[in-house]
Protein backbone atom coordinates (compact mmCIF):
# COMPACT_ATOMS: atom_id res chain seq x y z
CA MET A 1 -17.58 -14.18 10.35
CA SER A 2 -15.25 -13.96 7.38
CA ALA A 3 -11.54 -13.34 7.89
CA PRO A 4 -10.32 -9.83 7.03
CA ARG A 5 -8.88 -9.39 3.57
CA VAL A 6 -5.10 -9.39 3.78
CA ALA A 7 -3.32 -6.42 2.21
CA VAL A 8 -0.49 -7.10 -0.24
CA ASP A 9 2.29 -4.75 -1.29
CA VAL A 10 4.27 -5.58 -4.44
CA LEU A 11 7.87 -4.38 -4.24
CA THR A 12 9.60 -4.12 -7.61
CA GLY A 13 12.50 -2.42 -9.34
CA PHE A 14 15.34 -3.35 -11.66
CA LEU A 15 18.29 -5.49 -10.61
CA GLY A 16 20.40 -3.75 -7.97
CA ALA A 17 17.98 -0.87 -7.42
CA GLY A 18 17.84 -1.49 -3.65
CA LYS A 19 14.57 -3.37 -3.11
CA THR A 20 15.86 -5.69 -0.38
CA THR A 21 17.62 -2.84 1.42
CA LEU A 22 14.37 -0.88 1.49
CA LEU A 23 12.39 -3.89 2.69
CA ALA A 24 14.90 -4.74 5.43
CA HIS A 25 14.76 -1.16 6.75
CA ALA A 26 10.95 -1.12 6.74
CA LEU A 27 10.74 -4.45 8.55
CA GLY A 28 13.11 -3.23 11.25
CA HIS A 29 11.46 0.13 11.75
CA GLY A 30 7.93 1.17 10.78
CA LEU A 31 6.67 -2.41 10.34
CA ALA A 32 8.23 -3.75 13.53
CA GLY A 33 5.52 -5.30 15.69
CA LYS A 34 3.24 -6.03 12.72
CA ARG A 35 2.64 -9.54 11.46
CA VAL A 36 4.43 -9.33 8.12
CA ALA A 37 4.94 -12.19 5.69
CA VAL A 38 7.41 -11.96 2.83
CA VAL A 39 7.37 -13.70 -0.56
CA MET A 40 10.60 -13.34 -2.48
CA ASN A 41 11.34 -14.30 -6.06
CA GLU A 42 14.86 -14.93 -7.32
CA ILE A 43 16.16 -15.90 -10.75
CA GLY A 44 18.36 -18.95 -10.23
CA ASP A 45 18.50 -21.95 -7.95
CA VAL A 46 19.66 -20.12 -4.82
CA GLY A 47 18.01 -16.96 -3.54
CA ILE A 48 20.56 -14.89 -1.67
CA ASP A 49 18.26 -11.98 -0.82
CA GLY A 50 15.83 -14.31 0.90
CA THR A 51 18.55 -15.41 3.30
CA VAL A 52 19.22 -11.78 4.23
CA VAL A 53 15.59 -10.92 4.97
CA THR A 54 14.82 -14.18 6.80
CA GLY A 55 17.41 -13.21 9.40
CA LEU A 56 15.14 -10.42 10.64
CA ALA A 57 13.02 -11.31 13.66
CA TYR A 58 10.12 -9.26 12.35
CA VAL A 59 9.31 -11.61 9.47
CA GLU A 60 6.53 -13.98 10.50
CA LYS A 61 6.74 -16.16 7.40
CA MET A 62 9.15 -16.43 4.51
CA VAL A 63 8.26 -18.13 1.21
CA GLU A 64 10.83 -18.13 -1.57
CA LEU A 65 9.90 -18.86 -5.18
CA ALA A 66 13.14 -19.49 -7.04
CA SER A 67 14.23 -20.59 -10.52
CA GLY A 68 11.87 -18.38 -12.44
CA CYS A 69 10.32 -14.94 -12.77
CA ILE A 70 7.23 -14.67 -10.59
CA CYS A 71 5.30 -12.72 -13.23
CA CYS A 72 5.56 -15.36 -15.95
CA SER A 73 7.43 -18.58 -15.07
CA ILE A 74 5.80 -19.54 -11.78
CA ASP A 75 2.43 -21.15 -12.40
CA GLU A 76 -0.72 -19.87 -10.73
CA TYR A 77 -1.15 -23.09 -8.75
CA ARG A 78 2.22 -22.78 -7.00
CA PHE A 79 1.66 -19.09 -6.40
CA ASP A 80 -1.83 -19.62 -4.97
CA LEU A 81 -0.58 -22.43 -2.71
CA ALA A 82 2.23 -20.26 -1.33
CA ILE A 83 -0.11 -17.36 -0.62
CA GLN A 84 -2.79 -19.57 0.93
CA GLU A 85 -0.21 -21.22 3.19
CA ILE A 86 0.80 -17.79 4.46
CA VAL A 87 -2.77 -16.68 5.12
CA ASP A 88 -3.72 -19.95 6.86
CA THR A 89 -0.62 -20.37 9.04
CA VAL A 90 0.35 -16.78 9.86
CA ALA A 91 -2.81 -14.64 9.54
CA PRO A 92 -0.56 -11.69 8.65
CA ASP A 93 -1.41 -8.00 8.75
CA LEU A 94 0.53 -7.56 5.54
CA ILE A 95 2.15 -9.64 2.80
CA VAL A 96 5.07 -8.11 0.92
CA ILE A 97 5.98 -9.70 -2.41
CA GLU A 98 9.44 -8.72 -3.61
CA SER A 99 9.67 -9.65 -7.26
CA THR A 100 12.79 -10.28 -9.26
CA GLY A 101 14.27 -7.23 -10.94
CA LEU A 102 13.19 -8.62 -14.31
CA ALA A 103 9.49 -8.90 -13.45
CA ASP A 104 6.64 -6.86 -14.87
CA PRO A 105 4.46 -6.02 -11.83
CA GLU A 106 1.17 -5.80 -13.72
CA PRO A 107 0.60 -9.57 -14.13
CA LEU A 108 1.64 -10.06 -10.51
CA ALA A 109 -0.83 -7.41 -9.32
CA TYR A 110 -3.57 -9.16 -11.30
CA ARG A 111 -2.61 -12.49 -9.76
CA VAL A 112 -2.79 -11.04 -6.24
CA GLN A 113 -6.30 -9.73 -6.85
CA ASN A 114 -7.36 -12.95 -8.58
CA VAL A 115 -6.45 -15.00 -5.51
CA GLY A 116 -8.81 -12.84 -3.44
CA LEU A 117 -6.34 -10.56 -1.67
CA ALA A 118 -6.35 -6.77 -1.54
CA LEU A 119 -3.64 -5.10 -3.61
CA ASP A 120 -2.48 -2.26 -1.39
CA ALA A 121 0.30 -0.72 -3.46
CA VAL A 122 2.91 -1.31 -6.13
CA ILE A 123 6.22 0.13 -4.89
CA THR A 124 8.96 0.58 -7.48
CA VAL A 125 12.54 1.33 -6.44
CA VAL A 126 14.61 3.36 -8.90
CA ASP A 127 18.39 3.71 -8.87
CA ALA A 128 19.06 7.46 -9.11
CA ALA A 129 22.59 6.85 -10.37
CA ASN A 130 21.62 4.49 -13.19
CA LEU A 131 18.08 5.30 -14.32
CA GLU A 132 18.90 6.17 -17.93
CA ARG A 133 21.18 3.16 -18.32
CA THR A 134 18.58 0.73 -16.99
CA LEU A 135 15.83 2.24 -19.16
CA ALA A 136 18.00 1.64 -22.22
CA GLU A 137 19.01 -1.81 -21.04
CA ALA A 138 15.61 -3.37 -20.28
CA GLU A 139 12.08 -2.57 -21.41
CA VAL A 140 10.68 -3.96 -18.16
CA VAL A 141 12.02 -0.92 -16.28
CA THR A 142 9.49 1.26 -18.10
CA ALA A 143 6.71 -1.17 -17.12
CA GLN A 144 7.86 -1.15 -13.48
CA ILE A 145 7.78 2.64 -13.36
CA ALA A 146 4.42 2.89 -15.12
CA ALA A 147 2.76 0.42 -12.73
CA ALA A 148 3.95 2.14 -9.56
CA ASP A 149 1.83 3.82 -6.94
CA PHE A 150 5.03 4.86 -5.13
CA LEU A 151 8.34 5.57 -6.84
CA VAL A 152 11.22 5.32 -4.38
CA ILE A 153 14.31 7.09 -5.70
CA GLY A 154 17.21 5.31 -4.04
CA LYS A 155 20.95 5.95 -3.78
CA THR A 156 20.41 9.72 -3.84
CA ASP A 157 23.60 10.11 -1.80
CA LEU A 158 25.62 8.90 -4.80
CA VAL A 159 24.54 11.64 -7.21
CA ARG A 160 24.29 15.43 -7.27
CA ALA A 161 21.10 17.28 -6.37
CA ALA A 162 20.73 18.36 -10.00
CA ASP A 163 20.84 14.70 -11.08
CA VAL A 164 18.10 13.81 -8.58
CA ALA A 165 15.99 16.66 -9.96
CA ARG A 166 16.41 15.30 -13.49
CA VAL A 167 15.40 11.81 -12.31
CA ARG A 168 12.28 13.24 -10.65
CA THR A 169 11.34 15.11 -13.82
CA ARG A 170 11.85 12.00 -15.95
CA LEU A 171 9.78 9.83 -13.62
CA GLY A 172 7.05 12.46 -13.44
CA ARG A 173 6.66 12.32 -17.21
CA MET A 174 6.57 8.52 -17.21
CA ASN A 175 4.11 8.20 -14.32
CA PRO A 176 2.51 11.45 -13.16
CA ARG A 177 0.16 9.64 -10.75
CA ALA A 178 2.81 8.02 -8.54
CA LEU A 179 4.12 9.66 -5.38
CA GLN A 180 7.90 10.12 -5.53
CA LEU A 181 9.94 9.59 -2.37
CA GLU A 182 13.72 9.81 -1.95
CA SER A 183 15.74 7.34 0.08
CA VAL A 184 19.30 6.72 1.21
CA ARG A 185 20.15 3.10 2.07
CA GLY A 186 16.47 2.19 2.31
CA ALA A 187 15.61 4.70 5.03
CA LEU A 188 12.04 5.79 4.39
CA ASP A 189 8.77 6.23 6.25
CA ALA A 190 7.14 2.80 6.29
CA ASP A 191 3.85 4.21 7.65
CA VAL A 192 3.13 5.83 4.31
CA LEU A 193 4.79 3.33 2.01
CA PHE A 194 3.53 0.02 3.39
CA ALA A 195 0.01 -0.71 4.60
CA THR A 196 -1.22 -2.65 7.59
CA ASP A 197 -4.53 -4.44 7.98
CA VAL A 198 -7.84 -2.60 8.10
CA ALA A 199 -8.36 -3.63 11.74
CA THR A 200 -5.45 -1.38 12.69
CA HIS A 201 -7.16 1.60 11.09
CA ARG A 202 -10.43 0.80 12.82
CA GLU A 203 -8.67 0.80 16.18
CA ARG A 204 -7.05 4.15 15.31
CA ALA A 205 -10.47 5.55 14.52
CA ARG A 206 -12.04 4.29 17.73
CA ALA A 207 -9.17 5.71 19.78
CA ASP A 208 -9.96 9.17 18.40
CA PRO A 209 -12.59 10.79 20.67
CA LEU A 210 -13.99 13.17 18.03
CA PRO A 211 -15.01 12.24 14.47
CA GLY A 212 -12.93 14.09 11.92
CA ARG A 213 -10.44 15.30 14.50
CA PRO A 214 -6.83 15.47 13.23
CA ARG A 215 -4.55 12.86 14.75
CA ALA A 216 -1.20 13.57 16.31
CA THR A 217 1.45 13.02 13.70
CA SER A 218 4.77 11.27 14.41
CA ALA A 219 7.97 13.26 14.05
CA HIS A 220 9.15 11.54 10.88
CA LEU A 221 5.79 12.05 9.21
CA ALA A 222 5.82 15.72 10.19
CA ARG A 223 9.29 16.21 8.73
CA ASP A 224 7.97 15.05 5.36
CA ALA A 225 4.85 17.25 5.77
CA PHE A 226 2.65 14.15 5.97
CA GLY A 227 -0.34 14.25 8.25
CA SER A 228 -3.47 12.20 8.85
CA PHE A 229 -6.97 12.44 10.17
CA VAL A 230 -9.62 9.91 11.09
CA TRP A 231 -13.33 9.99 10.22
CA ARG A 232 -16.03 7.75 11.63
CA SER A 233 -19.80 7.56 11.59
CA ASP A 234 -22.59 5.33 12.89
CA ALA A 235 -24.76 6.14 9.87
CA ARG A 236 -24.85 3.94 6.80
CA LEU A 237 -23.65 5.41 3.51
CA GLU A 238 -24.96 5.56 -0.02
CA GLN A 239 -22.50 3.54 -2.09
CA ALA A 240 -22.50 5.51 -5.34
CA ALA A 241 -22.05 8.81 -3.46
CA PHE A 242 -19.18 7.35 -1.43
CA GLU A 243 -17.42 6.09 -4.55
CA ARG A 244 -17.70 9.59 -6.03
CA VAL A 245 -16.03 11.00 -2.90
CA LEU A 246 -13.12 8.59 -3.34
CA ALA A 247 -12.79 9.49 -7.01
CA ASP A 248 -12.74 13.19 -6.13
CA LEU A 249 -10.12 13.06 -3.35
CA PRO A 250 -7.39 15.68 -3.82
CA ALA A 251 -4.00 14.51 -5.08
CA ASP A 252 -2.47 15.45 -1.72
CA VAL A 253 -4.27 12.44 -0.19
CA VAL A 254 -1.82 9.65 -1.00
CA ARG A 255 -3.58 7.04 1.12
CA ALA A 256 -7.10 6.49 2.38
CA LYS A 257 -8.23 3.29 3.97
CA GLY A 258 -11.02 1.96 6.12
CA ILE A 259 -14.23 0.01 6.54
CA VAL A 260 -17.65 1.47 5.76
CA ARG A 261 -21.23 0.21 5.90
CA PHE A 262 -23.54 0.87 2.95
CA VAL A 263 -27.30 1.04 3.06
CA ASP A 264 -29.03 -2.15 1.83
CA ARG A 265 -25.78 -4.14 2.18
CA ASP A 266 -25.27 -6.93 4.73
CA TRP A 267 -21.48 -6.93 4.41
CA HIS A 268 -19.04 -4.14 5.23
CA ALA A 269 -17.01 -2.58 2.43
CA VAL A 270 -13.24 -2.43 2.77
CA PHE A 271 -11.81 0.41 0.72
CA ASN A 272 -8.28 1.41 -0.14
CA VAL A 273 -7.07 4.45 -2.07
CA THR A 274 -3.40 4.66 -3.01
CA CYS A 275 -2.16 7.60 -5.07
CA GLY A 276 -5.45 7.93 -6.91
CA ARG A 277 -6.01 4.20 -7.49
CA SER A 278 -8.96 2.84 -5.49
CA GLU A 279 -10.14 -0.64 -4.60
CA LEU A 280 -13.33 -1.82 -2.92
CA GLY A 281 -13.81 -5.23 -1.32
CA TRP A 282 -16.27 -6.91 1.03
CA LEU A 283 -16.02 -8.23 4.58
CA ARG A 284 -18.62 -9.89 6.80
CA LEU A 285 -18.31 -8.54 10.34
CA GLY A 286 -21.77 -9.20 11.77
CA ASP A 287 -24.84 -7.03 12.19
CA ALA A 288 -23.82 -5.49 15.52
CA ASP A 289 -20.74 -3.79 14.14
CA VAL A 290 -22.14 -0.95 12.04
CA GLU A 291 -19.63 1.86 12.51
CA SER A 292 -17.85 3.23 9.46
CA SER A 293 -14.29 4.45 9.96
CA ALA A 294 -11.50 5.67 7.73
CA VAL A 295 -8.05 7.23 7.88
CA PHE A 296 -6.75 9.76 5.34
CA ILE A 297 -3.01 10.34 4.95
CA GLY A 298 -1.25 12.89 2.81
CA ARG A 299 0.89 15.98 2.48
CA GLY A 300 -0.85 18.96 4.06
CA VAL A 301 -3.98 16.84 4.38
CA GLU A 302 -5.37 19.04 7.17
CA ARG A 303 -6.27 21.79 4.69
CA HIS A 304 -8.53 19.32 2.87
CA ARG A 305 -10.12 17.81 5.97
CA ALA A 306 -13.23 20.02 6.17
CA ARG A 307 -14.16 19.42 2.53
CA ILE A 308 -13.61 15.66 2.74
CA VAL A 309 -15.58 15.34 5.97
CA ALA A 310 -18.43 17.40 4.49
CA ALA A 311 -18.49 15.16 1.40
CA LEU A 312 -18.56 12.03 3.55
CA THR A 313 -21.37 13.49 5.66
CA GLY A 314 -23.28 14.03 2.44
CA CYS A 315 -23.08 10.26 1.77
CA GLN A 316 -24.85 9.38 5.01
CA VAL A 317 -28.35 7.94 4.82
CA PRO A 318 -30.50 8.60 7.91
CA PRO A 319 -32.47 5.69 9.35
CA ALA A 320 -36.14 5.55 8.41
CA GLY A 321 -38.02 8.23 10.34
CA ALA A 322 -34.82 9.88 11.59
CA ARG A 323 -32.98 13.02 10.58
CA LEU A 324 -29.19 13.50 10.46
């Protein structure tokens, strides 16, 4: 049996935007209890931020790549070795790579996928008080914003509401696909922002007694109008039809993740949808485990549930001689 594909979140943002603050809050709250490994990249010989994060008990493994920008100066061999060491020694649910503030996340995202890991999301932190200044100061800020699945607007307590509105408008023009979230001192819902492994979602699905039934939503998710529901099925799916369903998901669905079984395929498919960007990978779980299961998370997602479930039902292929 092959090991599950490890999910990777890339955390980026210009110097001083608040990346480490956001990560430290997530590790101490929504990600507490998960096996999380952290890769940090610092320009210079000594990485101060790495020392801060390593002090948290929730970090299973810390690898620091210093003296160079992870997107261009650190060679693929060193990067691959660091990632492989994490996977082999920790077997994490999630790897978070916090890049230097000068890094373009696109090459890093490519490198993650090239090493055989699942890119879960690119999370870009933006300083609400200094967005225009940083855009004028460094071209990489534009690249960081454009690559984002999630745009976290930090330090909103330091500016007026009208200034935050202008930042949101500016970011929306630069990257209309990304979900914008506001944060003060890194406080944000880690359940939406950071992913955990697909096994967690399968257990959530199996704990739900009725396919398609909406799950109870935690208080912090409800405050942000986020909800979720789980779908599962014993039938195999037609791959092309399923991929069309993913492509047609409403924009309100900011995350969808799970494991499905396609007809005429020996391996399970691991899928991940983040703010309209989808990824499909493969996982060998054995012939006995044929159930497909998925979780859908989004704002007001309940109003879309019936249509999504109907579309997924339409992907099902009945066994020979049987009728659905």
